[in-house]
């Protein structure tokens, strides 16, 4: 793979469960429900992870699901930031310096931080 910008962008939806077999069963049900993604075991955090990394699956399955069934927490803000990155990747903006530096990196910096109390 030729990386002209020496960076790559990988968007993925992921959820994890403890090593408990009951939790693994829940991840398998989630995978079956969505019909996409993979389940991996990570020795580092001793957890199973359900992950969807295909841009096509993110665009056609995961994002429409969370638009139809919105999250009822601060994670909704993260979802819309994530959605905007997937849209930028679909538009091939991640392949330009401006798209990567000015847009995607800025969005990444905002993920999982929540909104400032000043905005409420």
PDB file of N, CA and C in Angstrom:
ATOM      1  N   UNK A   1       0.834  -1.172   0.000  1.00  0.00           N
ATOM      2  CA  UNK A   1       0.000   0.000   0.000  1.00  0.00           C
ATOM      3  C   UNK A   1       0.881   1.239   0.000  1.00  0.00           C
ATOM      4  N   UNK A   2       0.609   2.128  -0.940  1.00  0.00           N
ATOM      5  CA  UNK A   2       1.373   3.368  -1.056  1.00  0.00           C
ATOM      6  C   UNK A   2       0.677   4.457  -0.253  1.00  0.00           C
ATOM      7  N   UNK A   3       1.324   4.927   0.797  1.00  0.00           N
ATOM      8  CA  UNK A   3       0.747   5.973   1.638  1.00  0.00           C
ATOM      9  C   UNK A   3       1.445   7.291   1.327  1.00  0.00           C
ATOM     10  N   UNK A   4       0.866   8.062   0.433  1.00  0.00           N
ATOM     11  CA  UNK A   4       1.475   9.326   0.035  1.00  0.00           C
ATOM     12  C   UNK A   4       1.613  10.284   1.204  1.00  0.00           C
ATOM     13  N   UNK A   5       0.652  10.263   2.118  1.00  0.00           N
ATOM     14  CA  UNK A   5       0.694  11.158   3.274  1.00  0.00           C
ATOM     15  C   UNK A   5       1.375  10.515   4.476  1.00  0.00           C
ATOM     16  N   UNK A   6       1.773   9.259   4.331  1.00  0.00           N
ATOM     17  CA  UNK A   6       2.436   8.484   5.386  1.00  0.00           C
ATOM     18  C   UNK A   6       1.518   8.247   6.590  1.00  0.00           C
ATOM     19  N   UNK A   7       0.219   8.390   6.393  1.00  0.00           N
ATOM     20  CA  UNK A   7      -0.794   8.130   7.407  1.00  0.00           C
ATOM     21  C   UNK A   7      -1.914   7.343   6.733  1.00  0.00           C
ATOM     22  N   UNK A   8      -2.607   6.577   7.522  1.00  0.00           N
ATOM     23  CA  UNK A   8      -3.815   5.933   7.011  1.00  0.00           C
ATOM     24  C   UNK A   8      -4.944   6.178   8.005  1.00  0.00           C
ATOM     25  N   UNK A   9      -6.156   6.137   7.511  1.00  0.00           N
ATOM     26  CA  UNK A   9      -7.330   6.345   8.346  1.00  0.00           C
ATOM     27  C   UNK A   9      -8.101   5.036   8.389  1.00  0.00           C
ATOM     28  N   UNK A  10      -8.375   4.573   9.592  1.00  0.00           N
ATOM     29  CA  UNK A  10      -9.152   3.352   9.777  1.00  0.00           C
ATOM     30  C   UNK A  10     -10.295   3.660  10.728  1.00  0.00           C
ATOM     31  N   UNK A  11     -11.509   3.597  10.232  1.00  0.00           N
ATOM     32  CA  UNK A  11     -12.683   3.800  11.076  1.00  0.00           C
ATOM     33  C   UNK A  11     -13.221   2.435  11.460  1.00  0.00           C
ATOM     34  N   UNK A  12     -13.632   2.296  12.710  1.00  0.00           N
ATOM     35  CA  UNK A  12     -14.196   1.021  13.164  1.00  0.00           C
ATOM     36  C   UNK A  12     -15.170   1.263  14.301  1.00  0.00           C
ATOM     37  N   UNK A  13     -16.234   0.480  14.300  1.00  0.00           N
ATOM     38  CA  UNK A  13     -17.174   0.430  15.413  1.00  0.00           C
ATOM     39  C   UNK A  13     -16.763  -0.767  16.241  1.00  0.00           C
ATOM     40  N   UNK A  14     -16.642  -0.589  17.548  1.00  0.00           N
ATOM     41  CA  UNK A  14     -16.193  -1.691  18.387  1.00  0.00           C
ATOM     42  C   UNK A  14     -16.859  -1.631  19.749  1.00  0.00           C
ATOM     43  N   UNK A  15     -17.156  -2.803  20.268  1.00  0.00           N
ATOM     44  CA  UNK A  15     -17.638  -2.915  21.632  1.00  0.00           C
ATOM     45  C   UNK A  15     -16.945  -4.110  22.246  1.00  0.00           C
ATOM     46  N   UNK A  16     -16.745  -4.095  23.548  1.00  0.00           N
ATOM     47  CA  UNK A  16     -16.026  -5.198  24.168  1.00  0.00           C
ATOM     48  C   UNK A  16     -16.786  -5.733  25.368  1.00  0.00           C
ATOM     49  N   UNK A  17     -16.453  -6.965  25.707  1.00  0.00           N
ATOM     50  CA  UNK A  17     -17.070  -7.625  26.859  1.00  0.00           C
ATOM     51  C   UNK A  17     -15.983  -8.347  27.625  1.00  0.00           C
ATOM     52  N   UNK A  18     -16.202  -8.497  28.916  1.00  0.00           N
ATOM     53  CA  UNK A  18     -15.226  -9.219  29.726  1.00  0.00           C
ATOM     54  C   UNK A  18     -15.128 -10.660  29.246  1.00  0.00           C
ATOM     55  N   UNK A  19     -14.186 -11.396  29.802  1.00  0.00           N
ATOM     56  CA  UNK A  19     -13.924 -12.754  29.352  1.00  0.00           C
ATOM     57  C   UNK A  19     -15.056 -13.735  29.705  1.00  0.00           C
ATOM     58  N   UNK A  20     -16.009 -13.311  30.507  1.00  0.00           N
ATOM     59  CA  UNK A  20     -17.126 -14.144  30.890  1.00  0.00           C
ATOM     60  C   UNK A  20     -17.823 -14.704  29.652  1.00  0.00           C
ATOM     61  N   UNK A  21     -18.069 -16.031  29.635  1.00  0.00           N
ATOM     62  CA  UNK A  21     -18.683 -16.669  28.473  1.00  0.00           C
ATOM     63  C   UNK A  21     -20.073 -16.103  28.184  1.00  0.00           C
ATOM     64  N   UNK A  22     -20.782 -15.694  29.217  1.00  0.00           N
ATOM     65  CA  UNK A  22     -22.098 -15.096  29.023  1.00  0.00           C
ATOM     66  C   UNK A  22     -21.965 -13.813  28.194  1.00  0.00           C
ATOM     67  N   UNK A  23     -20.956 -13.031  28.493  1.00  0.00           N
ATOM     68  CA  UNK A  23     -20.723 -11.796  27.741  1.00  0.00           C
ATOM     69  C   UNK A  23     -20.349 -12.086  26.296  1.00  0.00           C
ATOM     70  N   UNK A  24     -19.585 -13.133  26.079  1.00  0.00           N
ATOM     71  CA  UNK A  24     -19.225 -13.517  24.711  1.00  0.00           C
ATOM     72  C   UNK A  24     -20.487 -13.863  23.931  1.00  0.00           C
ATOM     73  N   UNK A  25     -21.420 -14.536  24.580  1.00  0.00           N
ATOM     74  CA  UNK A  25     -22.688 -14.872  23.932  1.00  0.00           C
ATOM     75  C   UNK A  25     -23.452 -13.638  23.490  1.00  0.00           C
ATOM     76  N   UNK A  26     -23.395 -12.585  24.295  1.00  0.00           N
ATOM     77  CA  UNK A  26     -24.060 -11.328  23.942  1.00  0.00           C
ATOM     78  C   UNK A  26     -23.411 -10.726  22.699  1.00  0.00           C
ATOM     79  N   UNK A  27     -22.078 -10.741  22.645  1.00  0.00           N
ATOM     80  CA  UNK A  27     -21.395 -10.222  21.457  1.00  0.00           C
ATOM     81  C   UNK A  27     -21.767 -11.022  20.216  1.00  0.00           C
ATOM     82  N   UNK A  28     -21.896 -12.328  20.354  1.00  0.00           N
ATOM     83  CA  UNK A  28     -22.293 -13.167  19.215  1.00  0.00           C
ATOM     84  C   UNK A  28     -23.704 -12.818  18.753  1.00  0.00           C
ATOM     85  N   UNK A  29     -24.594 -12.517  19.692  1.00  0.00           N
ATOM     86  CA  UNK A  29     -25.951 -12.111  19.325  1.00  0.00           C
ATOM     87  C   UNK A  29     -25.939 -10.758  18.613  1.00  0.00           C
ATOM     88  N   UNK A  30     -25.094  -9.849  19.072  1.00  0.00           N
ATOM     89  CA  UNK A  30     -24.955  -8.544  18.407  1.00  0.00           C
ATOM     90  C   UNK A  30     -24.448  -8.740  16.986  1.00  0.00           C
ATOM     91  N   UNK A  31     -23.439  -9.591  16.824  1.00  0.00           N
ATOM     92  CA  UNK A  31     -22.886  -9.867  15.495  1.00  0.00           C
ATOM     93  C   UNK A  31     -23.956 -10.469  14.586  1.00  0.00           C
ATOM     94  N   UNK A  32     -24.731 -11.396  15.107  1.00  0.00           N
ATOM     95  CA  UNK A  32     -25.801 -12.010  14.322  1.00  0.00           C
ATOM     96  C   UNK A  32     -26.852 -10.970  13.941  1.00  0.00           C
ATOM     97  N   UNK A  33     -27.216 -10.114  14.874  1.00  0.00           N
ATOM     98  CA  UNK A  33     -28.206  -9.067  14.606  1.00  0.00           C
ATOM     99  C   UNK A  33     -27.757  -8.171  13.453  1.00  0.00           C
ATOM    100  N   UNK A  34     -26.529  -7.693  13.514  1.00  0.00           N
ATOM    101  CA  UNK A  34     -26.039  -6.795  12.472  1.00  0.00           C
ATOM    102  C   UNK A  34     -25.681  -7.539  11.190  1.00  0.00           C
ATOM    103  N   UNK A  35     -25.270  -8.779  11.303  1.00  0.00           N
ATOM    104  CA  UNK A  35     -24.885  -9.554  10.122  1.00  0.00           C
ATOM    105  C   UNK A  35     -23.552  -9.155   9.528  1.00  0.00           C
ATOM    106  N   UNK A  36     -22.765  -8.411  10.281  1.00  0.00           N
ATOM    107  CA  UNK A  36     -21.441  -7.963   9.832  1.00  0.00           C
ATOM    108  C   UNK A  36     -20.495  -7.989  11.026  1.00  0.00           C
ATOM    109  N   UNK A  37     -19.231  -7.801  10.774  1.00  0.00           N
ATOM    110  CA  UNK A  37     -18.239  -7.664  11.840  1.00  0.00           C
ATOM    111  C   UNK A  37     -17.625  -8.979  12.274  1.00  0.00           C
ATOM    112  N   UNK A  38     -16.667  -8.854  13.171  1.00  0.00           N
ATOM    113  CA  UNK A  38     -15.934 -10.004  13.688  1.00  0.00           C
ATOM    114  C   UNK A  38     -15.780  -9.879  15.199  1.00  0.00           C
ATOM    115  N   UNK A  39     -15.562 -11.024  15.832  1.00  0.00           N
ATOM    116  CA  UNK A  39     -15.298 -11.054  17.272  1.00  0.00           C
ATOM    117  C   UNK A  39     -13.864 -11.523  17.461  1.00  0.00           C
ATOM    118  N   UNK A  40     -13.119 -10.767  18.236  1.00  0.00           N
ATOM    119  CA  UNK A  40     -11.721 -11.075  18.505  1.00  0.00           C
ATOM    120  C   UNK A  40     -11.495 -11.120  20.008  1.00  0.00           C
ATOM    121  N   UNK A  41     -10.511 -11.914  20.401  1.00  0.00           N
ATOM    122  CA  UNK A  41     -10.079 -11.911  21.804  1.00  0.00           C
ATOM    123  C   UNK A  41      -8.768 -11.157  21.883  1.00  0.00           C
ATOM    124  N   UNK A  42      -8.684 -10.220  22.824  1.00  0.00           N
ATOM    125  CA  UNK A  42      -7.489  -9.417  23.012  1.00  0.00           C
ATOM    126  C   UNK A  42      -6.869  -9.789  24.356  1.00  0.00           C
ATOM    127  N   UNK A  43      -5.719 -10.444  24.321  1.00  0.00           N
ATOM    128  CA  UNK A  43      -5.042 -10.845  25.563  1.00  0.00           C
ATOM    129  C   UNK A  43      -4.641  -9.649  26.409  1.00  0.00           C
ATOM    130  N   UNK A  44      -4.343  -8.536  25.748  1.00  0.00           N
ATOM    131  CA  UNK A  44      -3.863  -7.346  26.443  1.00  0.00           C
ATOM    132  C   UNK A  44      -4.875  -6.840  27.476  1.00  0.00           C
ATOM    133  N   UNK A  45      -6.153  -6.801  27.099  1.00  0.00           N
ATOM    134  CA  UNK A  45      -7.164  -6.322  28.045  1.00  0.00           C
ATOM    135  C   UNK A  45      -8.084  -7.444  28.539  1.00  0.00           C
ATOM    136  N   UNK A  46      -7.776  -8.676  28.138  1.00  0.00           N
ATOM    137  CA  UNK A  46      -8.505  -9.849  28.606  1.00  0.00           C
ATOM    138  C   UNK A  46      -9.995  -9.758  28.274  1.00  0.00           C
ATOM    139  N   UNK A  47     -10.299  -9.229  27.077  1.00  0.00           N
ATOM    140  CA  UNK A  47     -11.684  -9.028  26.667  1.00  0.00           C
ATOM    141  C   UNK A  47     -11.897  -9.496  25.233  1.00  0.00           C
ATOM    142  N   UNK A  48     -13.150  -9.829  24.962  1.00  0.00           N
ATOM    143  CA  UNK A  48     -13.573 -10.073  23.593  1.00  0.00           C
ATOM    144  C   UNK A  48     -14.065  -8.756  23.010  1.00  0.00           C
ATOM    145  N   UNK A  49     -13.828  -8.561  21.717  1.00  0.00           N
ATOM    146  CA  UNK A  49     -14.242  -7.343  21.040  1.00  0.00           C
ATOM    147  C   UNK A  49     -15.065  -7.707  19.809  1.00  0.00           C
ATOM    148  N   UNK A  50     -16.199  -7.072  19.655  1.00  0.00           N
ATOM    149  CA  UNK A  50     -16.963  -7.142  18.409  1.00  0.00           C
ATOM    150  C   UNK A  50     -16.601  -5.888  17.643  1.00  0.00           C
ATOM    151  N   UNK A  51     -16.106  -6.060  16.420  1.00  0.00           N
ATOM    152  CA  UNK A  51     -15.608  -4.928  15.646  1.00  0.00           C
ATOM    153  C   UNK A  51     -16.131  -4.973  14.218  1.00  0.00           C
ATOM    154  N   UNK A  52     -16.555  -3.813  13.738  1.00  0.00           N
ATOM    155  CA  UNK A  52     -16.927  -3.645  12.334  1.00  0.00           C
ATOM    156  C   UNK A  52     -15.980  -2.595  11.772  1.00  0.00           C
ATOM    157  N   UNK A  53     -15.126  -2.995  10.833  1.00  0.00           N
ATOM    158  CA  UNK A  53     -14.117  -2.083  10.295  1.00  0.00           C
ATOM    159  C   UNK A  53     -14.314  -1.787   8.812  1.00  0.00           C
ATOM    160  N   UNK A  54     -15.203  -2.496   8.156  1.00  0.00           N
ATOM    161  CA  UNK A  54     -15.457  -2.256   6.736  1.00  0.00           C
ATOM    162  C   UNK A  54     -16.226  -0.947   6.567  1.00  0.00           C
ATOM    163  N   UNK A  55     -15.683  -0.045   5.755  1.00  0.00           N
ATOM    164  CA  UNK A  55     -16.361   1.230   5.503  1.00  0.00           C
ATOM    165  C   UNK A  55     -17.745   0.983   4.908  1.00  0.00           C
ATOM    166  N   UNK A  56     -17.867  -0.008   4.061  1.00  0.00           N
ATOM    167  CA  UNK A  56     -19.163  -0.341   3.460  1.00  0.00           C
ATOM    168  C   UNK A  56     -20.156  -0.768   4.536  1.00  0.00           C
ATOM    169  N   UNK A  57     -19.725  -1.642   5.455  1.00  0.00           N
ATOM    170  CA  UNK A  57     -20.607  -2.097   6.536  1.00  0.00           C
ATOM    171  C   UNK A  57     -20.925  -0.981   7.520  1.00  0.00           C
ATOM    172  N   UNK A  58     -19.949  -0.126   7.781  1.00  0.00           N
ATOM    173  CA  UNK A  58     -20.200   1.017   8.661  1.00  0.00           C
ATOM    174  C   UNK A  58     -21.242   1.943   8.036  1.00  0.00           C
ATOM    175  N   UNK A  59     -21.093   2.193   6.740  1.00  0.00           N
ATOM    176  CA  UNK A  59     -21.979   3.102   6.020  1.00  0.00           C
ATOM    177  C   UNK A  59     -23.385   2.530   5.853  1.00  0.00           C
ATOM    178  N   UNK A  60     -23.471   1.252   5.528  1.00  0.00           N
ATOM    179  CA  UNK A  60     -24.762   0.657   5.170  1.00  0.00           C
ATOM    180  C   UNK A  60     -25.487  -0.046   6.311  1.00  0.00           C
ATOM    181  N   UNK A  61     -24.784  -0.381   7.391  1.00  0.00           N
ATOM    182  CA  UNK A  61     -25.404  -1.153   8.464  1.00  0.00           C
ATOM    183  C   UNK A  61     -25.343  -0.407   9.806  1.00  0.00           C
ATOM    184  N   UNK A  62     -24.138  -0.108  10.265  1.00  0.00           N
ATOM    185  CA  UNK A  62     -23.962   0.444  11.611  1.00  0.00           C
ATOM    186  C   UNK A  62     -24.526   1.866  11.724  1.00  0.00           C
ATOM    187  N   UNK A  63     -24.137   2.748  10.833  1.00  0.00           N
ATOM    188  CA  UNK A  63     -24.602   4.134  10.915  1.00  0.00           C
ATOM    189  C   UNK A  63     -26.122   4.230  10.766  1.00  0.00           C
ATOM    190  N   UNK A  64     -26.733   3.557   9.783  1.00  0.00           N
ATOM    191  CA  UNK A  64     -28.201   3.619   9.716  1.00  0.00           C
ATOM    192  C   UNK A  64     -28.898   3.094  10.974  1.00  0.00           C
ATOM    193  N   UNK A  65     -28.317   2.084  11.612  1.00  0.00           N
ATOM    194  CA  UNK A  65     -28.909   1.564  12.845  1.00  0.00           C
ATOM    195  C   UNK A  65     -28.955   2.639  13.926  1.00  0.00           C
ATOM    196  N   UNK A  66     -27.835   3.329  14.124  1.00  0.00           N
ATOM    197  CA  UNK A  66     -27.783   4.331  15.184  1.00  0.00           C
ATOM    198  C   UNK A  66     -28.475   5.636  14.810  1.00  0.00           C
ATOM    199  N   UNK A  67     -28.774   5.823  13.536  1.00  0.00           N
ATOM    200  CA  UNK A  67     -29.641   6.937  13.150  1.00  0.00           C
ATOM    201  C   UNK A  67     -31.094   6.583  13.472  1.00  0.00           C
ATOM    202  N   UNK A  68     -31.446   5.334  13.250  1.00  0.00           N
ATOM    203  CA  UNK A  68     -32.805   4.871  13.533  1.00  0.00           C
ATOM    204  C   UNK A  68     -33.053   4.729  15.033  1.00  0.00           C
ATOM    205  N   UNK A  69     -32.037   4.254  15.756  1.00  0.00           N
ATOM    206  CA  UNK A  69     -32.137   4.036  17.203  1.00  0.00           C
ATOM    207  C   UNK A  69     -31.034   4.835  17.904  1.00  0.00           C
ATOM    208  N   UNK A  70     -31.248   6.132  18.105  1.00  0.00           N
ATOM    209  CA  UNK A  70     -30.191   6.993  18.671  1.00  0.00           C
ATOM    210  C   UNK A  70     -29.773   6.578  20.072  1.00  0.00           C
ATOM    211  N   UNK A  71     -28.512   6.783  20.353  1.00  0.00           N
ATOM    212  CA  UNK A  71     -27.988   6.573  21.695  1.00  0.00           C
ATOM    213  C   UNK A  71     -28.560   7.634  22.624  1.00  0.00           C
ATOM    214  N   UNK A  72     -28.839   7.242  23.840  1.00  0.00           N
ATOM    215  CA  UNK A  72     -29.441   8.172  24.795  1.00  0.00           C
ATOM    216  C   UNK A  72     -28.420   8.588  25.846  1.00  0.00           C
ATOM    217  N   UNK A  73     -27.261   8.986  25.369  1.00  0.00           N
ATOM    218  CA  UNK A  73     -26.187   9.382  26.280  1.00  0.00           C
ATOM    219  C   UNK A  73     -25.253  10.328  25.541  1.00  0.00           C
ATOM    220  N   UNK A  74     -24.198  10.711  26.223  1.00  0.00           N
ATOM    221  CA  UNK A  74     -23.172  11.556  25.619  1.00  0.00           C
ATOM    222  C   UNK A  74     -22.536  10.880  24.400  1.00  0.00           C
ATOM    223  N   UNK A  75     -22.631   9.562  24.324  1.00  0.00           N
ATOM    224  CA  UNK A  75     -22.062   8.828  23.189  1.00  0.00           C
ATOM    225  C   UNK A  75     -22.716   9.218  21.868  1.00  0.00           C
ATOM    226  N   UNK A  76     -23.904   9.823  21.923  1.00  0.00           N
ATOM    227  CA  UNK A  76     -24.560  10.279  20.696  1.00  0.00           C
ATOM    228  C   UNK A  76     -23.691  11.318  19.982  1.00  0.00           C
ATOM    229  N   UNK A  77     -23.050  12.194  20.754  1.00  0.00           N
ATOM    230  CA  UNK A  77     -22.146  13.190  20.164  1.00  0.00           C
ATOM    231  C   UNK A  77     -20.985  12.479  19.477  1.00  0.00           C
ATOM    232  N   UNK A  78     -20.401  11.481  20.137  1.00  0.00           N
ATOM    233  CA  UNK A  78     -19.304  10.717  19.533  1.00  0.00           C
ATOM    234  C   UNK A  78     -19.762  10.009  18.265  1.00  0.00           C
ATOM    235  N   UNK A  79     -20.991   9.501  18.276  1.00  0.00           N
ATOM    236  CA  UNK A  79     -21.515   8.834  17.082  1.00  0.00           C
ATOM    237  C   UNK A  79     -21.533   9.794  15.898  1.00  0.00           C
ATOM    238  N   UNK A  80     -22.020  11.010  16.089  1.00  0.00           N
ATOM    239  CA  UNK A  80     -22.079  11.957  14.971  1.00  0.00           C
ATOM    240  C   UNK A  80     -20.684  12.379  14.501  1.00  0.00           C
ATOM    241  N   UNK A  81     -19.729  12.469  15.414  1.00  0.00           N
ATOM    242  CA  UNK A  81     -18.342  12.739  15.009  1.00  0.00           C
ATOM    243  C   UNK A  81     -17.791  11.573  14.200  1.00  0.00           C
ATOM    244  N   UNK A  82     -18.037  10.346  14.680  1.00  0.00           N
ATOM    245  CA  UNK A  82     -17.612   9.134  13.972  1.00  0.00           C
ATOM    246  C   UNK A  82     -18.253   9.086  12.587  1.00  0.00           C
ATOM    247  N   UNK A  83     -19.535   9.356  12.516  1.00  0.00           N
ATOM    248  CA  UNK A  83     -20.268   9.355  11.239  1.00  0.00           C
ATOM    249  C   UNK A  83     -19.633  10.343  10.262  1.00  0.00           C
ATOM    250  N   UNK A  84     -19.238  11.505  10.757  1.00  0.00           N
ATOM    251  CA  UNK A  84     -18.630  12.500   9.868  1.00  0.00           C
ATOM    252  C   UNK A  84     -17.284  12.017   9.326  1.00  0.00           C
ATOM    253  N   UNK A  85     -16.525  11.270  10.132  1.00  0.00           N
ATOM    254  CA  UNK A  85     -15.253  10.715   9.641  1.00  0.00           C
ATOM    255  C   UNK A  85     -15.527   9.673   8.552  1.00  0.00           C
ATOM    256  N   UNK A  86     -16.505   8.808   8.774  1.00  0.00           N
ATOM    257  CA  UNK A  86     -16.851   7.800   7.758  1.00  0.00           C
ATOM    258  C   UNK A  86     -17.272   8.505   6.466  1.00  0.00           C
ATOM    259  N   UNK A  87     -18.038   9.567   6.571  1.00  0.00           N
ATOM    260  CA  UNK A  87     -18.442  10.323   5.380  1.00  0.00           C
ATOM    261  C   UNK A  87     -17.229  10.930   4.672  1.00  0.00           C
ATOM    262  N   UNK A  88     -16.272  11.433   5.439  1.00  0.00           N
ATOM    263  CA  UNK A  88     -15.052  11.988   4.835  1.00  0.00           C
ATOM    264  C   UNK A  88     -14.258  10.900   4.121  1.00  0.00           C
ATOM    265  N   UNK A  89     -14.176   9.713   4.711  1.00  0.00           N
ATOM    266  CA  UNK A  89     -13.473   8.594   4.065  1.00  0.00           C
ATOM    267  C   UNK A  89     -14.204   8.200   2.784  1.00  0.00           C
ATOM    268  N   UNK A  90     -15.532   8.127   2.843  1.00  0.00           N
ATOM    269  CA  UNK A  90     -16.302   7.797   1.638  1.00  0.00           C
ATOM    270  C   UNK A  90     -16.094   8.824   0.526  1.00  0.00           C
ATOM    271  N   UNK A  91     -15.881  10.082   0.909  1.00  0.00           N
ATOM    272  CA  UNK A  91     -15.639  11.154  -0.057  1.00  0.00           C
ATOM    273  C   UNK A  91     -14.167  11.233  -0.457  1.00  0.00           C
ATOM    274  N   UNK A  92     -13.350  10.303   0.060  1.00  0.00           N
ATOM    275  CA  UNK A  92     -11.912  10.229  -0.242  1.00  0.00           C
ATOM    276  C   UNK A  92     -11.127  11.433   0.276  1.00  0.00           C
ATOM    277  N   UNK A  93     -11.698  12.174   1.217  1.00  0.00           N
ATOM    278  CA  UNK A  93     -10.985  13.335   1.761  1.00  0.00           C
ATOM    279  C   UNK A  93      -9.826  12.928   2.664  1.00  0.00           C
ATOM    280  N   UNK A  94      -9.838  11.701   3.142  1.00  0.00           N
ATOM    281  CA  UNK A  94      -8.736  11.224   3.987  1.00  0.00           C
ATOM    282  C   UNK A  94      -7.451  11.066   3.187  1.00  0.00           C
ATOM    283  N   UNK A  95      -7.552  11.132   1.870  1.00  0.00           N
ATOM    284  CA  UNK A  95      -6.384  10.986   1.003  1.00  0.00           C
ATOM    285  C   UNK A  95      -5.690  12.314   0.719  1.00  0.00           C
ATOM    286  N   UNK A  96      -6.262  13.412   1.207  1.00  0.00           N
ATOM    287  CA  UNK A  96      -5.649  14.720   1.007  1.00  0.00           C
ATOM    288  C   UNK A  96      -5.101  15.235   2.332  1.00  0.00           C
ATOM    289  N   UNK A  97      -4.088  16.039   2.250  1.00  0.00           N
ATOM    290  CA  UNK A  97      -3.488  16.609   3.456  1.00  0.00           C
ATOM    291  C   UNK A  97      -4.502  17.475   4.197  1.00  0.00           C
ATOM    292  N   UNK A  98      -5.255  18.273   3.474  1.00  0.00           N
ATOM    293  CA  UNK A  98      -6.258  19.132   4.107  1.00  0.00           C
ATOM    294  C   UNK A  98      -7.335  18.291   4.801  1.00  0.00           C
ATOM    295  N   UNK A  99      -7.833  17.285   4.117  1.00  0.00           N
ATOM    296  CA  UNK A  99      -8.862  16.435   4.703  1.00  0.00           C
ATOM    297  C   UNK A  99      -8.361  15.691   5.927  1.00  0.00           C
ATOM    298  N   UNK A 100      -7.139  15.220   5.855  1.00  0.00           N
ATOM    299  CA  UNK A 100      -6.571  14.466   6.975  1.00  0.00           C
ATOM    300  C   UNK A 100      -6.264  15.366   8.166  1.00  0.00           C
ATOM    301  N   UNK A 101      -5.487  16.419   7.924  1.00  0.00           N
ATOM    302  CA  UNK A 101      -5.036  17.281   9.029  1.00  0.00           C
ATOM    303  C   UNK A 101      -6.131  18.174   9.581  1.00  0.00           C
ATOM    304  N   UNK A 102      -6.827  18.849   8.710  1.00  0.00           N
ATOM    305  CA  UNK A 102      -7.772  19.882   9.155  1.00  0.00           C
ATOM    306  C   UNK A 102      -9.119  19.303   9.567  1.00  0.00           C
ATOM    307  N   UNK A 103      -9.462  18.155   9.057  1.00  0.00           N
ATOM    308  CA  UNK A 103     -10.783  17.618   9.350  1.00  0.00           C
ATOM    309  C   UNK A 103     -10.717  16.391  10.249  1.00  0.00           C
ATOM    310  N   UNK A 104     -10.115  15.329   9.751  1.00  0.00           N
ATOM    311  CA  UNK A 104     -10.163  14.058  10.472  1.00  0.00           C
ATOM    312  C   UNK A 104      -9.396  14.119  11.789  1.00  0.00           C
ATOM    313  N   UNK A 105      -8.215  14.678  11.802  1.00  0.00           N
ATOM    314  CA  UNK A 105      -7.435  14.763  13.048  1.00  0.00           C
ATOM    315  C   UNK A 105      -8.169  15.628  14.075  1.00  0.00           C
ATOM    316  N   UNK A 106      -8.800  16.702  13.629  1.00  0.00           N
ATOM    317  CA  UNK A 106      -9.564  17.547  14.557  1.00  0.00           C
ATOM    318  C   UNK A 106     -10.759  16.801  15.135  1.00  0.00           C
ATOM    319  N   UNK A 107     -11.434  16.031  14.308  1.00  0.00           N
ATOM    320  CA  UNK A 107     -12.567  15.245  14.790  1.00  0.00           C
ATOM    321  C   UNK A 107     -12.081  14.195  15.782  1.00  0.00           C
ATOM    322  N   UNK A 108     -10.991  13.522  15.451  1.00  0.00           N
ATOM    323  CA  UNK A 108     -10.437  12.497  16.340  1.00  0.00           C
ATOM    324  C   UNK A 108     -10.102  13.084  17.705  1.00  0.00           C
ATOM    325  N   UNK A 109      -9.603  14.294  17.718  1.00  0.00           N
ATOM    326  CA  UNK A 109      -9.247  14.936  18.984  1.00  0.00           C
ATOM    327  C   UNK A 109     -10.479  15.191  19.854  1.00  0.00           C
ATOM    328  N   UNK A 110     -11.635  15.286  19.249  1.00  0.00           N
ATOM    329  CA  UNK A 110     -12.869  15.557  19.986  1.00  0.00           C
ATOM    330  C   UNK A 110     -13.587  14.290  20.438  1.00  0.00           C
ATOM    331  N   UNK A 111     -13.278  13.163  19.842  1.00  0.00           N
ATOM    332  CA  UNK A 111     -13.974  11.918  20.180  1.00  0.00           C
ATOM    333  C   UNK A 111     -13.734  11.506  21.622  1.00  0.00           C
ATOM    334  N   UNK A 112     -14.766  10.993  22.256  1.00  0.00           N
ATOM    335  CA  UNK A 112     -14.741  10.448  23.618  1.00  0.00           C
ATOM    336  C   UNK A 112     -14.395  11.483  24.686  1.00  0.00           C
ATOM    337  N   UNK A 113     -14.506  12.756  24.365  1.00  0.00           N
ATOM    338  CA  UNK A 113     -14.231  13.799  25.352  1.00  0.00           C
ATOM    339  C   UNK A 113     -15.502  14.478  25.817  1.00  0.00           C
ATOM    340  N   UNK A 114     -16.560  14.355  25.029  1.00  0.00           N
ATOM    341  CA  UNK A 114     -17.807  15.008  25.395  1.00  0.00           C
ATOM    342  C   UNK A 114     -17.766  16.490  25.124  1.00  0.00           C
ATOM    343  N   UNK A 115     -18.906  17.091  25.243  1.00  0.00           N
ATOM    344  CA  UNK A 115     -19.000  18.533  25.040  1.00  0.00           C
ATOM    345  C   UNK A 115     -18.656  19.269  26.314  1.00  0.00           C
ATOM    346  N   UNK A 116     -18.131  20.433  26.176  1.00  0.00           N
ATOM    347  CA  UNK A 116     -17.822  21.288  27.313  1.00  0.00           C
ATOM    348  C   UNK A 116     -19.130  21.673  28.010  1.00  0.00           C
ATOM    349  N   UNK A 117     -19.090  21.804  29.336  1.00  0.00           N
ATOM    350  CA  UNK A 117     -20.256  22.261  30.082  1.00  0.00           C
ATOM    351  C   UNK A 117     -20.655  23.665  29.657  1.00  0.00           C
ATOM    352  N   UNK A 118     -19.703  24.397  29.090  1.00  0.00           N
ATOM    353  CA  UNK A 118     -19.970  25.749  28.615  1.00  0.00           C
ATOM    354  C   UNK A 118     -21.050  25.750  27.547  1.00  0.00           C
ATOM    355  N   UNK A 119     -21.156  24.661  26.782  1.00  0.00           N
ATOM    356  CA  UNK A 119     -22.110  24.601  25.686  1.00  0.00           C
ATOM    357  C   UNK A 119     -23.523  24.251  26.134  1.00  0.00           C
ATOM    358  N   UNK A 120     -23.679  23.873  27.369  1.00  0.00           N
ATOM    359  CA  UNK A 120     -25.016  23.479  27.859  1.00  0.00           C
ATOM    360  C   UNK A 120     -25.718  24.634  28.515  1.00  0.00           C
TER     361      UNK A 120
END
